[in-house]
Structure formats: structure tokens, C-alpha cells
């Protein structure tokens, strides 16, 4: 049992981290920090490899800061940089870790825009078999 958190350093994700740590503390469980590293383009050529490597480095930096916050709160973490888009990365991690809940931040998108463009929270709400907690960024 664990709390799975999609984390990318956005304002919504930063607030979601605080909430995920509170949930993990309440249920006496760990937090699995997930960052999807799949580039949005095709898998051909050097550009793809460079883009993927840059996303992996960004992910390591982002989740490193989240691990520091979790350590300060006394919450154990597991870090997963998954070579998939954020939605698939979160769903896969949630299954592997038997997540109680998937926590994601929202950031400046209206529900209509999320539905049209396919935001991560919107997709998770429709695809996940587990509860999804969407945490809005603070004003």
C-alpha cells in the first residue's frame, strides 16, 4: 500500500506533494514519486535520445527536491523515473505499488481545456481504477 504522486515541480505538483505527504502520514505508508520521461515525439534519431536524456535529468532534479521534503517530514519515498508519458507512468507505478491513491496537481487549466487537450489529471480520472486526488495549485 502506498501513495503515488506525479511530480514535476509545477506549482500544482508542489502543493500536491504537501497533500501526498499528509495522506501518507495519515495512513502510515510511503510515497512513490513518479516522473514520466517519454519525449512527446517519435523514437527515431539523435534528437529523441537527447530529449529523453534531458527529461530524465529534469526528472531526477525534480524528484530529488521532493525526496528532501519527504525526508524532512519523516516519510519514506520510492523514486520512479518511468519511460512513458505521465499518465501511463502513474498508472503503471500505481499497479506495481498497489497504491491506495494517485495524487496529482492541477495547474491553471480549466476543466474544459483539460477535457479538450487531455490533461494528465483529466485522463487519470477516466482511466484509473484507483482513486485519484487532484490538488489545485494555491492561488
N, C-alpha and C. Protein backbone atom coordinates (compact mmCIF):
# COMPACT_ATOMS: atom_id res chain seq x y z
N UNK A 1 0.85 -1.17 0.00
CA UNK A 1 0.00 0.00 0.00
C UNK A 1 0.90 1.24 0.00
N UNK A 2 0.58 2.20 -0.84
CA UNK A 2 1.38 3.42 -0.91
C UNK A 2 0.56 4.54 -1.52
N UNK A 3 1.14 5.73 -1.48
CA UNK A 3 0.57 6.90 -2.14
C UNK A 3 1.47 7.19 -3.33
N UNK A 4 0.90 7.22 -4.52
CA UNK A 4 1.67 7.51 -5.73
C UNK A 4 1.44 8.97 -6.08
N UNK A 5 2.53 9.69 -6.29
CA UNK A 5 2.47 11.12 -6.60
C UNK A 5 3.16 11.40 -7.92
N UNK A 6 2.44 12.03 -8.84
CA UNK A 6 3.05 12.54 -10.06
C UNK A 6 3.69 13.88 -9.73
N UNK A 7 5.00 13.98 -9.96
CA UNK A 7 5.69 15.20 -9.53
C UNK A 7 6.57 15.75 -10.63
N UNK A 8 6.38 17.07 -10.92
CA UNK A 8 7.18 17.72 -11.96
C UNK A 8 7.62 19.13 -11.60
N UNK A 9 7.52 19.53 -10.38
CA UNK A 9 7.90 20.85 -9.85
C UNK A 9 6.97 21.99 -10.26
N UNK A 10 5.88 21.70 -10.94
CA UNK A 10 4.92 22.76 -11.25
C UNK A 10 4.28 23.22 -9.94
N UNK A 11 3.67 24.42 -9.93
CA UNK A 11 3.01 24.86 -8.69
C UNK A 11 1.97 23.87 -8.18
N UNK A 12 1.22 23.27 -9.08
CA UNK A 12 0.23 22.27 -8.66
C UNK A 12 0.88 21.05 -8.04
N UNK A 13 1.99 20.59 -8.63
CA UNK A 13 2.70 19.41 -8.11
C UNK A 13 3.32 19.71 -6.76
N UNK A 14 3.81 20.92 -6.58
CA UNK A 14 4.41 21.28 -5.29
C UNK A 14 3.36 21.24 -4.18
N UNK A 15 2.17 21.74 -4.49
CA UNK A 15 1.09 21.68 -3.49
C UNK A 15 0.62 20.24 -3.30
N UNK A 16 0.59 19.47 -4.39
CA UNK A 16 0.19 18.06 -4.30
C UNK A 16 1.17 17.27 -3.43
N UNK A 17 2.45 17.63 -3.47
CA UNK A 17 3.44 16.97 -2.62
C UNK A 17 3.07 17.13 -1.15
N UNK A 18 2.71 18.33 -0.75
CA UNK A 18 2.32 18.58 0.63
C UNK A 18 1.13 17.70 1.02
N UNK A 19 0.14 17.64 0.14
CA UNK A 19 -1.05 16.83 0.41
C UNK A 19 -0.70 15.34 0.44
N UNK A 20 0.12 14.89 -0.51
CA UNK A 20 0.51 13.47 -0.55
C UNK A 20 1.27 13.07 0.72
N UNK A 21 2.13 13.95 1.22
CA UNK A 21 2.85 13.65 2.46
C UNK A 21 1.88 13.56 3.63
N UNK A 22 0.88 14.43 3.66
CA UNK A 22 -0.13 14.36 4.72
C UNK A 22 -0.92 13.06 4.65
N UNK A 23 -1.30 12.66 3.45
CA UNK A 23 -2.06 11.41 3.27
C UNK A 23 -1.20 10.22 3.69
N UNK A 24 0.07 10.21 3.27
CA UNK A 24 0.97 9.12 3.63
C UNK A 24 1.17 9.04 5.14
N UNK A 25 1.30 10.20 5.77
CA UNK A 25 1.46 10.22 7.23
C UNK A 25 0.20 9.65 7.90
N UNK A 26 -0.96 10.04 7.41
CA UNK A 26 -2.23 9.58 7.98
C UNK A 26 -2.36 8.06 7.88
N UNK A 27 -1.96 7.50 6.74
CA UNK A 27 -2.09 6.06 6.52
C UNK A 27 -0.83 5.28 6.87
N UNK A 28 0.18 5.97 7.41
CA UNK A 28 1.45 5.33 7.79
C UNK A 28 2.02 4.51 6.64
N UNK A 29 2.15 5.16 5.49
CA UNK A 29 2.69 4.48 4.31
C UNK A 29 3.72 5.37 3.63
N UNK A 30 4.27 4.89 2.56
CA UNK A 30 5.29 5.65 1.83
C UNK A 30 4.68 6.41 0.66
N UNK A 31 5.51 7.24 0.04
CA UNK A 31 5.11 7.97 -1.16
C UNK A 31 6.01 7.51 -2.31
N UNK A 32 5.39 7.14 -3.42
CA UNK A 32 6.12 6.78 -4.63
C UNK A 32 6.09 8.01 -5.53
N UNK A 33 7.25 8.61 -5.75
CA UNK A 33 7.37 9.80 -6.60
C UNK A 33 7.60 9.35 -8.03
N UNK A 34 6.70 9.74 -8.93
CA UNK A 34 6.75 9.27 -10.31
C UNK A 34 6.93 10.45 -11.26
N UNK A 35 7.84 10.27 -12.21
CA UNK A 35 8.09 11.26 -13.24
C UNK A 35 8.18 10.52 -14.57
N UNK A 36 7.27 10.83 -15.50
CA UNK A 36 7.30 10.21 -16.82
C UNK A 36 8.32 10.91 -17.70
N UNK A 37 9.22 10.12 -18.31
CA UNK A 37 10.32 10.71 -19.08
C UNK A 37 10.20 10.53 -20.59
N UNK A 38 9.08 10.07 -21.07
CA UNK A 38 8.95 9.85 -22.51
C UNK A 38 8.80 11.17 -23.24
N UNK A 39 9.66 11.44 -24.23
CA UNK A 39 9.51 12.65 -25.04
C UNK A 39 8.23 12.57 -25.87
N UNK A 40 7.65 13.72 -26.20
CA UNK A 40 6.40 13.72 -26.93
C UNK A 40 6.52 13.44 -28.42
N UNK A 41 7.74 13.18 -28.92
CA UNK A 41 7.90 12.95 -30.36
C UNK A 41 8.25 11.50 -30.63
N UNK A 42 8.54 11.17 -31.89
CA UNK A 42 8.82 9.79 -32.27
C UNK A 42 10.14 9.32 -31.68
N UNK A 43 10.34 8.00 -31.72
CA UNK A 43 11.53 7.41 -31.12
C UNK A 43 12.67 7.27 -32.12
N UNK A 44 12.73 8.12 -33.11
CA UNK A 44 13.77 8.00 -34.12
C UNK A 44 14.81 9.09 -33.98
N UNK A 45 16.05 8.71 -34.17
CA UNK A 45 17.10 9.71 -34.29
C UNK A 45 17.71 10.20 -32.99
N UNK A 46 18.77 10.96 -33.17
CA UNK A 46 19.53 11.51 -32.05
C UNK A 46 18.71 12.51 -31.25
N UNK A 47 17.83 13.26 -31.92
CA UNK A 47 17.01 14.25 -31.21
C UNK A 47 16.17 13.58 -30.13
N UNK A 48 15.63 12.41 -30.43
CA UNK A 48 14.83 11.69 -29.43
C UNK A 48 15.68 11.34 -28.22
N UNK A 49 16.88 10.78 -28.47
CA UNK A 49 17.75 10.39 -27.35
C UNK A 49 18.14 11.60 -26.50
N UNK A 50 18.45 12.71 -27.15
CA UNK A 50 18.82 13.92 -26.41
C UNK A 50 17.65 14.44 -25.59
N UNK A 51 16.47 14.42 -26.19
CA UNK A 51 15.27 14.89 -25.49
C UNK A 51 14.98 14.00 -24.28
N UNK A 52 15.08 12.68 -24.48
CA UNK A 52 14.82 11.74 -23.39
C UNK A 52 15.82 11.94 -22.25
N UNK A 53 17.10 12.10 -22.60
CA UNK A 53 18.13 12.31 -21.57
C UNK A 53 17.87 13.61 -20.80
N UNK A 54 17.44 14.66 -21.50
CA UNK A 54 17.13 15.93 -20.83
C UNK A 54 15.94 15.76 -19.89
N UNK A 55 14.92 15.04 -20.33
CA UNK A 55 13.76 14.80 -19.46
C UNK A 55 14.13 13.96 -18.24
N UNK A 56 15.01 12.98 -18.44
CA UNK A 56 15.44 12.17 -17.29
C UNK A 56 16.20 13.03 -16.28
N UNK A 57 17.07 13.93 -16.77
CA UNK A 57 17.80 14.81 -15.86
C UNK A 57 16.84 15.75 -15.12
N UNK A 58 15.87 16.31 -15.86
CA UNK A 58 14.87 17.17 -15.22
C UNK A 58 14.11 16.38 -14.15
N UNK A 59 13.76 15.14 -14.47
CA UNK A 59 13.04 14.31 -13.52
C UNK A 59 13.84 14.03 -12.27
N UNK A 60 15.13 13.70 -12.44
CA UNK A 60 15.99 13.44 -11.27
C UNK A 60 16.07 14.68 -10.37
N UNK A 61 16.20 15.85 -11.00
CA UNK A 61 16.27 17.09 -10.23
C UNK A 61 14.96 17.34 -9.50
N UNK A 62 13.84 17.20 -10.21
CA UNK A 62 12.52 17.47 -9.61
C UNK A 62 12.25 16.55 -8.44
N UNK A 63 12.40 15.24 -8.66
CA UNK A 63 12.06 14.32 -7.58
C UNK A 63 13.08 14.39 -6.45
N UNK A 64 14.29 14.81 -6.74
CA UNK A 64 15.29 14.99 -5.68
C UNK A 64 14.82 16.01 -4.65
N UNK A 65 14.24 17.08 -5.13
CA UNK A 65 13.70 18.11 -4.22
C UNK A 65 12.52 17.57 -3.43
N UNK A 66 11.70 16.76 -4.07
CA UNK A 66 10.55 16.18 -3.38
C UNK A 66 11.01 15.17 -2.32
N UNK A 67 12.07 14.43 -2.62
CA UNK A 67 12.61 13.48 -1.64
C UNK A 67 13.10 14.23 -0.41
N UNK A 68 13.76 15.36 -0.62
CA UNK A 68 14.23 16.17 0.52
C UNK A 68 13.05 16.60 1.40
N UNK A 69 11.95 17.03 0.77
CA UNK A 69 10.77 17.44 1.55
C UNK A 69 10.17 16.25 2.30
N UNK A 70 10.13 15.09 1.66
CA UNK A 70 9.58 13.90 2.32
C UNK A 70 10.48 13.47 3.47
N UNK A 71 11.79 13.52 3.26
CA UNK A 71 12.72 13.16 4.34
C UNK A 71 12.51 14.07 5.54
N UNK A 72 12.36 15.37 5.28
CA UNK A 72 12.15 16.33 6.37
C UNK A 72 10.85 16.04 7.12
N UNK A 73 9.86 15.48 6.41
CA UNK A 73 8.58 15.15 7.04
C UNK A 73 8.58 13.76 7.66
N UNK A 74 9.69 13.02 7.48
CA UNK A 74 9.78 11.67 8.04
C UNK A 74 9.02 10.64 7.25
N UNK A 75 8.79 10.89 5.96
CA UNK A 75 8.05 9.97 5.10
C UNK A 75 9.02 9.26 4.16
N UNK A 76 8.96 7.94 4.12
CA UNK A 76 9.80 7.14 3.22
C UNK A 76 9.34 7.34 1.78
N UNK A 77 10.30 7.38 0.85
CA UNK A 77 9.95 7.56 -0.56
C UNK A 77 10.57 6.47 -1.42
N UNK A 78 9.94 6.25 -2.55
CA UNK A 78 10.46 5.44 -3.64
C UNK A 78 10.42 6.35 -4.85
N UNK A 79 11.48 6.38 -5.63
CA UNK A 79 11.54 7.23 -6.82
C UNK A 79 11.46 6.37 -8.06
N UNK A 80 10.59 6.77 -8.99
CA UNK A 80 10.48 6.07 -10.26
C UNK A 80 10.50 7.07 -11.41
N UNK A 81 11.56 7.00 -12.23
CA UNK A 81 11.59 7.71 -13.50
C UNK A 81 11.19 6.69 -14.54
N UNK A 82 10.01 6.86 -15.10
CA UNK A 82 9.42 5.86 -15.98
C UNK A 82 9.44 6.37 -17.41
N UNK A 83 9.94 5.54 -18.32
CA UNK A 83 10.00 5.92 -19.73
C UNK A 83 8.62 5.72 -20.36
N UNK A 84 7.72 6.62 -20.00
CA UNK A 84 6.35 6.60 -20.51
C UNK A 84 5.78 7.99 -20.33
N UNK A 85 4.65 8.25 -20.95
CA UNK A 85 4.00 9.54 -20.72
C UNK A 85 3.51 9.57 -19.27
N UNK A 86 3.25 10.76 -18.73
CA UNK A 86 2.90 10.85 -17.31
C UNK A 86 1.72 9.97 -16.89
N UNK A 87 0.68 9.90 -17.69
CA UNK A 87 -0.49 9.10 -17.31
C UNK A 87 -0.13 7.63 -17.21
N UNK A 88 0.52 7.10 -18.25
CA UNK A 88 0.90 5.69 -18.23
C UNK A 88 1.90 5.40 -17.11
N UNK A 89 2.84 6.33 -16.90
CA UNK A 89 3.82 6.14 -15.82
C UNK A 89 3.13 6.04 -14.47
N UNK A 90 2.16 6.91 -14.22
CA UNK A 90 1.45 6.89 -12.94
C UNK A 90 0.59 5.64 -12.79
N UNK A 91 -0.10 5.25 -13.84
CA UNK A 91 -0.94 4.05 -13.76
C UNK A 91 -0.10 2.80 -13.52
N UNK A 92 1.04 2.70 -14.22
CA UNK A 92 1.92 1.54 -14.04
C UNK A 92 2.48 1.50 -12.63
N UNK A 93 2.95 2.64 -12.14
CA UNK A 93 3.51 2.70 -10.78
C UNK A 93 2.44 2.38 -9.74
N UNK A 94 1.24 2.88 -9.95
CA UNK A 94 0.14 2.62 -9.01
C UNK A 94 -0.14 1.12 -8.92
N UNK A 95 -0.12 0.44 -10.04
CA UNK A 95 -0.34 -1.00 -10.04
C UNK A 95 0.81 -1.74 -9.35
N UNK A 96 2.04 -1.37 -9.69
CA UNK A 96 3.20 -2.05 -9.11
C UNK A 96 3.26 -1.90 -7.59
N UNK A 97 2.85 -0.73 -7.10
CA UNK A 97 2.96 -0.44 -5.66
C UNK A 97 1.62 -0.57 -4.92
N UNK A 98 0.61 -1.10 -5.62
CA UNK A 98 -0.71 -1.27 -5.01
C UNK A 98 -1.15 0.00 -4.30
N UNK A 99 -1.15 1.09 -5.04
CA UNK A 99 -1.43 2.41 -4.48
C UNK A 99 -2.83 2.50 -3.90
N UNK A 100 -2.91 3.16 -2.77
CA UNK A 100 -4.19 3.50 -2.17
C UNK A 100 -4.82 4.63 -2.95
N UNK A 101 -3.99 5.55 -3.42
CA UNK A 101 -4.47 6.73 -4.14
C UNK A 101 -3.34 7.25 -5.04
N UNK A 102 -3.73 7.86 -6.15
CA UNK A 102 -2.80 8.57 -7.03
C UNK A 102 -3.06 10.06 -6.80
N UNK A 103 -2.01 10.80 -6.49
CA UNK A 103 -2.14 12.23 -6.22
C UNK A 103 -1.44 13.00 -7.34
N UNK A 104 -2.15 13.97 -7.91
CA UNK A 104 -1.56 14.84 -8.95
C UNK A 104 -2.01 16.27 -8.69
N UNK A 105 -1.18 17.18 -9.10
CA UNK A 105 -1.53 18.59 -9.00
C UNK A 105 -2.18 19.06 -10.28
N UNK A 106 -2.99 20.09 -10.14
CA UNK A 106 -3.55 20.76 -11.32
C UNK A 106 -2.95 22.15 -11.35
N UNK A 107 -2.90 22.72 -12.53
CA UNK A 107 -2.21 24.00 -12.63
C UNK A 107 -2.78 24.83 -13.76
N UNK A 108 -3.66 25.74 -13.40
CA UNK A 108 -4.13 26.75 -14.33
C UNK A 108 -4.96 26.29 -15.50
N UNK A 109 -5.43 25.07 -15.52
CA UNK A 109 -6.26 24.63 -16.63
C UNK A 109 -7.72 24.57 -16.18
N UNK A 110 -8.57 25.07 -17.05
CA UNK A 110 -9.99 24.93 -16.78
C UNK A 110 -10.38 23.48 -17.06
N UNK A 111 -11.47 23.00 -16.47
CA UNK A 111 -11.92 21.63 -16.77
C UNK A 111 -12.18 21.43 -18.25
N UNK A 112 -12.72 22.44 -18.94
CA UNK A 112 -12.99 22.30 -20.37
C UNK A 112 -11.71 22.15 -21.16
N UNK A 113 -10.71 22.98 -20.86
CA UNK A 113 -9.44 22.87 -21.56
C UNK A 113 -8.80 21.50 -21.31
N UNK A 114 -8.85 21.03 -20.06
CA UNK A 114 -8.31 19.72 -19.74
C UNK A 114 -9.01 18.61 -20.51
N UNK A 115 -10.31 18.73 -20.66
CA UNK A 115 -11.07 17.72 -21.40
C UNK A 115 -10.72 17.73 -22.88
N UNK A 116 -10.53 18.91 -23.44
CA UNK A 116 -10.23 19.02 -24.87
C UNK A 116 -8.79 18.62 -25.15
N UNK A 117 -7.84 19.13 -24.37
CA UNK A 117 -6.43 18.89 -24.63
C UNK A 117 -5.91 17.61 -23.98
N UNK A 118 -6.66 17.07 -23.04
CA UNK A 118 -6.24 15.82 -22.42
C UNK A 118 -5.21 15.98 -21.34
N UNK A 119 -5.49 16.77 -20.32
CA UNK A 119 -4.54 16.97 -19.23
C UNK A 119 -4.33 15.65 -18.48
N UNK A 120 -3.20 15.56 -17.78
CA UNK A 120 -2.91 14.36 -17.00
C UNK A 120 -3.99 14.08 -15.96
N UNK A 121 -4.39 15.07 -15.14
CA UNK A 121 -5.45 14.77 -14.17
C UNK A 121 -6.74 14.28 -14.83
N UNK A 122 -7.13 14.92 -15.93
CA UNK A 122 -8.36 14.54 -16.61
C UNK A 122 -8.27 13.10 -17.12
N UNK A 123 -7.17 12.75 -17.73
CA UNK A 123 -7.00 11.38 -18.23
C UNK A 123 -7.01 10.37 -17.09
N UNK A 124 -6.31 10.70 -16.00
CA UNK A 124 -6.28 9.78 -14.86
C UNK A 124 -7.67 9.52 -14.30
N UNK A 125 -8.47 10.58 -14.20
CA UNK A 125 -9.82 10.42 -13.67
C UNK A 125 -10.65 9.45 -14.49
N UNK A 126 -10.34 9.36 -15.78
CA UNK A 126 -11.11 8.48 -16.66
C UNK A 126 -10.49 7.09 -16.81
N UNK A 127 -9.19 6.97 -16.61
CA UNK A 127 -8.52 5.70 -16.89
C UNK A 127 -8.15 4.90 -15.64
N UNK A 128 -8.00 5.55 -14.51
CA UNK A 128 -7.52 4.86 -13.32
C UNK A 128 -8.62 4.03 -12.68
N UNK A 129 -8.21 2.85 -12.21
CA UNK A 129 -9.10 2.00 -11.44
C UNK A 129 -8.94 2.28 -9.95
N UNK A 130 -8.04 3.19 -9.63
CA UNK A 130 -7.77 3.58 -8.24
C UNK A 130 -8.26 5.01 -8.03
N UNK A 131 -8.49 5.40 -6.79
CA UNK A 131 -8.88 6.79 -6.54
C UNK A 131 -7.77 7.76 -6.99
N UNK A 132 -8.20 8.89 -7.52
CA UNK A 132 -7.29 9.95 -7.96
C UNK A 132 -7.64 11.21 -7.19
N UNK A 133 -6.63 11.78 -6.55
CA UNK A 133 -6.80 13.03 -5.82
C UNK A 133 -6.14 14.14 -6.62
N UNK A 134 -6.95 15.07 -7.13
CA UNK A 134 -6.44 16.21 -7.90
C UNK A 134 -6.34 17.41 -6.98
N UNK A 135 -5.12 17.93 -6.84
CA UNK A 135 -4.85 19.01 -5.90
C UNK A 135 -4.61 20.29 -6.69
N UNK A 136 -5.47 21.30 -6.51
CA UNK A 136 -5.26 22.56 -7.24
C UNK A 136 -4.06 23.33 -6.67
N UNK A 137 -3.40 24.05 -7.56
CA UNK A 137 -2.31 24.92 -7.13
C UNK A 137 -2.89 26.03 -6.27
N UNK A 138 -2.14 26.47 -5.27
CA UNK A 138 -2.65 27.59 -4.46
C UNK A 138 -2.74 28.85 -5.30
N UNK A 139 -3.65 29.74 -4.92
CA UNK A 139 -3.82 30.98 -5.68
C UNK A 139 -2.60 31.86 -5.56
